[in-house]
Amino acid sequence: MKIKTNRSAAKRFTTTGSGKIKRNKACKSHLLTHKARKRKRNLKKQVVVDPANVPEIKRMLPYS
């Protein structure tokens, strides 16, 4: 039997070629006028998910 993918997790996380999980940073949707240009620029970048959270995310994304 196939396992269902958690669709909310699928929209938030991507898997790299080596199997690491990447995510987008928070705090980039509103109240941007008082945030520095450098800070907003760094919020654009994706980061690798912390190893402590990887097992839970892999459970939500069984086929990634």
Protein backbone atom coordinates (compact mmCIF):
# COMPACT_ATOMS: atom_id res chain seq x y z
CA MET A 1 0.00 0.00 0.00
CA LYS A 2 1.25 3.45 -0.87
CA ILE A 3 1.81 6.08 1.85
CA LYS A 4 0.26 9.50 1.39
CA THR A 5 2.61 12.48 1.21
CA ASN A 6 1.86 15.35 3.57
CA ARG A 7 1.04 18.05 1.00
CA SER A 8 1.81 20.99 3.32
CA ALA A 9 5.29 19.57 3.92
CA ALA A 10 5.77 18.92 0.20
CA LYS A 11 5.18 22.61 -0.51
CA ARG A 12 7.66 23.73 2.18
CA PHE A 13 10.61 21.37 1.76
CA THR A 14 12.74 20.24 -1.17
CA THR A 15 15.28 17.43 -1.33
CA THR A 16 18.77 17.97 -2.75
CA GLY A 17 20.56 15.48 -4.95
CA SER A 18 22.59 14.21 -1.99
CA GLY A 19 19.45 13.65 0.10
CA LYS A 20 19.58 16.70 2.36
CA ILE A 21 16.35 18.62 2.98
CA LYS A 22 16.18 22.35 2.26
CA ARG A 23 13.71 24.90 3.58
CA ASN A 24 12.94 28.59 3.14
CA LYS A 25 13.55 31.06 5.95
CA ALA A 26 10.71 32.72 7.85
CA CYS A 27 10.01 36.47 8.37
CA LYS A 28 9.93 37.42 4.67
CA SER A 29 6.21 37.97 4.12
CA HIS A 30 5.28 41.27 5.78
CA LEU A 31 6.62 44.15 7.91
CA LEU A 32 9.56 44.46 5.53
CA THR A 33 10.03 48.24 5.60
CA HIS A 34 11.99 48.34 8.86
CA LYS A 35 14.15 45.32 8.00
CA ALA A 36 17.56 46.08 6.51
CA ARG A 37 18.22 45.35 2.85
CA LYS A 38 20.99 42.92 3.79
CA ARG A 39 18.68 41.06 6.18
CA LYS A 40 15.95 40.71 3.55
CA ARG A 41 18.50 39.56 0.99
CA ASN A 42 19.75 36.83 3.35
CA LEU A 43 16.17 35.72 4.09
CA LYS A 44 15.78 34.84 0.40
CA LYS A 45 18.32 32.02 0.63
CA GLN A 46 17.34 28.45 1.36
CA VAL A 47 19.04 26.59 4.22
CA VAL A 48 19.51 22.93 5.11
CA VAL A 49 17.11 21.61 7.75
CA ASP A 50 18.61 20.90 11.18
CA PRO A 51 19.46 17.19 11.66
CA ALA A 52 17.17 17.00 14.71
CA ASN A 53 14.13 17.70 12.50
CA VAL A 54 15.05 15.51 9.53
CA PRO A 55 13.41 12.22 10.68
CA GLU A 56 10.03 13.90 11.19
CA ILE A 57 10.16 15.57 7.77
CA LYS A 58 11.24 12.35 6.06
CA ARG A 59 8.20 10.65 7.58
CA MET A 60 5.96 13.32 6.02
CA LEU A 61 7.72 13.01 2.63
CA PRO A 62 8.07 9.25 2.09
CA TYR A 63 9.00 9.38 -1.62
CA SER A 64 11.44 12.30 -1.71
